[in-house]
């Protein structure tokens, strides 16, 4: 078992299968020593875990848990692209989009769901730059979408 797989198991998690793209893109692209993931929605077994706007149909706390699932999905896409998450040397950046109800300003707290998972999995190498952006709509009415840039050896 790889070190990252063991760490995920300690956390009670495992990498899901890579989510199939819902449009004309690929789940991840490698260039040089970086892997860029496409935006990942909170899918589990091909089903979206929730829909709706955060701050209305979805609570900020639930959205943070959904961001955590998005991060797991992004890690699965990266693992498929580079062969093993044990190759990751640094989480460079996370971008989190939050389908926000009017007046909702808690995007950073929602994004923490994904960011904290990355820290739990990679330790110091999981500390990253981040953008947390409120948007009017997301594909399939997903509450959250997350993409990653990872450095690997």
Protein backbone atom coordinates (compact mmCIF):
# COMPACT_ATOMS: atom_id res chain seq x y z
CA UNK A 1 0.00 0.00 0.00
CA UNK A 2 1.34 3.43 -0.90
CA UNK A 3 2.02 6.01 1.81
CA UNK A 4 -0.82 8.26 0.62
CA UNK A 5 -3.23 5.32 0.34
CA UNK A 6 -2.28 4.38 3.91
CA UNK A 7 -2.83 7.96 5.06
CA UNK A 8 -6.24 8.05 3.37
CA UNK A 9 -7.12 4.76 5.07
CA UNK A 10 -6.11 6.26 8.46
CA UNK A 11 -8.56 9.07 7.71
CA UNK A 12 -11.27 6.54 6.83
CA UNK A 13 -11.14 7.56 3.16
CA UNK A 14 -10.24 6.03 -0.16
CA UNK A 15 -9.82 7.57 -3.57
CA UNK A 16 -12.98 7.29 -5.64
CA UNK A 17 -13.02 6.35 -9.29
CA UNK A 18 -12.32 9.31 -11.55
CA UNK A 19 -15.53 11.18 -12.34
CA UNK A 20 -16.43 11.05 -16.01
CA UNK A 21 -16.31 14.50 -17.65
CA UNK A 22 -19.72 16.09 -18.18
CA UNK A 23 -18.51 18.04 -21.26
CA UNK A 24 -15.56 18.32 -23.68
CA UNK A 25 -12.51 18.18 -21.36
CA UNK A 26 -10.21 15.71 -19.61
CA UNK A 27 -10.04 15.18 -15.83
CA UNK A 28 -6.38 16.25 -15.56
CA UNK A 29 -3.49 17.50 -17.68
CA UNK A 30 0.21 17.07 -16.97
CA UNK A 31 2.75 19.64 -18.11
CA UNK A 32 6.32 19.55 -16.88
CA UNK A 33 6.19 18.63 -13.20
CA UNK A 34 2.68 19.99 -12.64
CA UNK A 35 -0.71 18.36 -12.88
CA UNK A 36 -3.76 20.57 -13.34
CA UNK A 37 -7.14 19.04 -12.56
CA UNK A 38 -10.37 20.04 -14.18
CA UNK A 39 -12.96 21.45 -11.83
CA UNK A 40 -14.41 18.58 -9.82
CA UNK A 41 -17.97 18.45 -8.57
CA UNK A 42 -19.10 16.56 -5.44
CA UNK A 43 -19.90 13.30 -7.23
CA UNK A 44 -19.99 9.93 -5.48
CA UNK A 45 -20.59 6.88 -7.64
CA UNK A 46 -21.69 9.10 -10.54
CA UNK A 47 -24.29 10.96 -8.48
CA UNK A 48 -24.14 14.56 -7.31
CA UNK A 49 -24.37 14.61 -3.50
CA UNK A 50 -26.43 17.83 -3.41
CA UNK A 51 -27.68 20.66 -5.57
CA UNK A 52 -28.55 24.26 -4.93
CA UNK A 53 -27.11 27.51 -3.70
CA UNK A 54 -24.99 27.75 -0.60
CA UNK A 55 -26.64 30.05 1.92
CA UNK A 56 -30.08 28.94 0.73
CA UNK A 57 -30.74 25.26 -0.14
CA UNK A 58 -27.31 24.15 1.15
CA UNK A 59 -25.73 25.19 4.45
CA UNK A 60 -22.16 26.43 4.59
CA UNK A 61 -21.27 23.42 6.76
CA UNK A 62 -22.73 20.95 4.26
CA UNK A 63 -20.97 22.80 1.42
CA UNK A 64 -17.63 22.45 3.24
CA UNK A 65 -18.19 18.68 3.36
CA UNK A 66 -19.01 18.77 -0.36
CA UNK A 67 -15.76 20.68 -1.01
CA UNK A 68 -13.96 17.86 0.80
CA UNK A 69 -15.52 15.37 -1.64
CA UNK A 70 -14.52 17.61 -4.55
CA UNK A 71 -10.93 17.55 -3.28
CA UNK A 72 -10.98 13.74 -3.10
CA UNK A 73 -12.29 13.64 -6.66
CA UNK A 74 -9.54 16.01 -7.79
CA UNK A 75 -6.92 13.82 -6.10
CA UNK A 76 -8.33 10.79 -7.94
CA UNK A 77 -7.99 12.63 -11.27
CA UNK A 78 -4.42 13.64 -10.41
CA UNK A 79 -3.51 10.10 -9.35
CA UNK A 80 -4.77 8.72 -12.63
CA UNK A 81 -2.71 11.31 -14.53
CA UNK A 82 0.60 10.78 -12.68
CA UNK A 83 0.27 7.17 -11.55
CA UNK A 84 0.45 7.69 -7.78
CA UNK A 85 -0.21 10.45 -5.28
CA UNK A 86 3.04 9.42 -3.60
CA UNK A 87 4.70 11.40 -6.40
CA UNK A 88 3.11 14.68 -5.18
CA UNK A 89 5.70 16.99 -3.65
CA UNK A 90 3.47 20.04 -3.14
CA UNK A 91 -0.12 21.15 -3.43
CA UNK A 92 0.43 24.44 -5.24
CA UNK A 93 -3.06 25.91 -5.51
CA UNK A 94 -6.72 25.15 -5.00
CA UNK A 95 -9.50 27.11 -6.68
CA UNK A 96 -12.94 26.66 -5.14
CA UNK A 97 -16.12 27.94 -6.75
CA UNK A 98 -19.18 28.27 -4.52
CA UNK A 99 -22.70 28.47 -6.01
CA UNK A 100 -23.68 31.35 -3.75
CA UNK A 101 -27.10 32.67 -2.78
CA UNK A 102 -27.37 36.47 -2.90
CA UNK A 103 -25.61 37.95 0.11
CA UNK A 104 -23.68 34.76 0.98
CA UNK A 105 -20.09 35.73 1.83
CA UNK A 106 -18.81 32.56 3.51
CA UNK A 107 -16.89 31.20 0.52
CA UNK A 108 -13.58 30.88 2.45
CA UNK A 109 -15.24 28.68 5.08
CA UNK A 110 -16.71 26.44 2.39
CA UNK A 111 -13.32 26.20 0.66
CA UNK A 112 -11.74 25.14 3.96
CA UNK A 113 -13.43 21.76 3.55
CA UNK A 114 -11.17 20.98 0.60
CA UNK A 115 -8.11 22.77 1.95
CA UNK A 116 -8.21 20.98 5.28
CA UNK A 117 -8.43 17.59 3.54
CA UNK A 118 -5.31 18.42 1.53
CA UNK A 119 -3.46 19.29 4.74
CA UNK A 120 -4.64 16.07 6.42
CA UNK A 121 -3.44 13.98 3.47
CA UNK A 122 -0.15 15.70 2.59
CA UNK A 123 0.86 17.46 5.80
CA UNK A 124 3.09 20.49 5.22
CA UNK A 125 3.20 19.74 1.47
CA UNK A 126 -0.58 20.19 1.48
CA UNK A 127 -0.39 23.88 2.43
CA UNK A 128 -1.34 25.83 -0.67
CA UNK A 129 -2.39 29.09 -2.23
CA UNK A 130 -6.13 29.31 -2.78
CA UNK A 131 -8.95 31.25 -4.35
CA UNK A 132 -12.49 30.94 -3.00
CA UNK A 133 -14.93 32.48 -5.46
CA UNK A 134 -18.68 33.01 -5.19
CA UNK A 135 -20.51 32.41 -8.46
CA UNK A 136 -24.12 32.75 -9.63
CA UNK A 137 -24.37 29.19 -10.99
CA UNK A 138 -22.32 26.00 -11.36
CA UNK A 139 -22.75 23.06 -13.75
CA UNK A 140 -25.67 20.77 -12.84
CA UNK A 141 -26.56 23.23 -10.04
CA UNK A 142 -23.72 21.81 -7.94
CA UNK A 143 -23.09 23.78 -4.74
CA UNK A 144 -19.28 23.57 -5.03
CA UNK A 145 -16.56 22.94 -7.61
CA UNK A 146 -12.84 22.57 -6.88
CA UNK A 147 -9.73 22.37 -9.04
CA UNK A 148 -6.11 21.74 -8.06
CA UNK A 149 -2.58 22.38 -9.25
CA UNK A 150 -0.13 19.85 -7.84
CA UNK A 151 3.65 19.61 -8.21
CA UNK A 152 5.11 16.11 -8.51
CA UNK A 153 8.48 14.40 -8.92
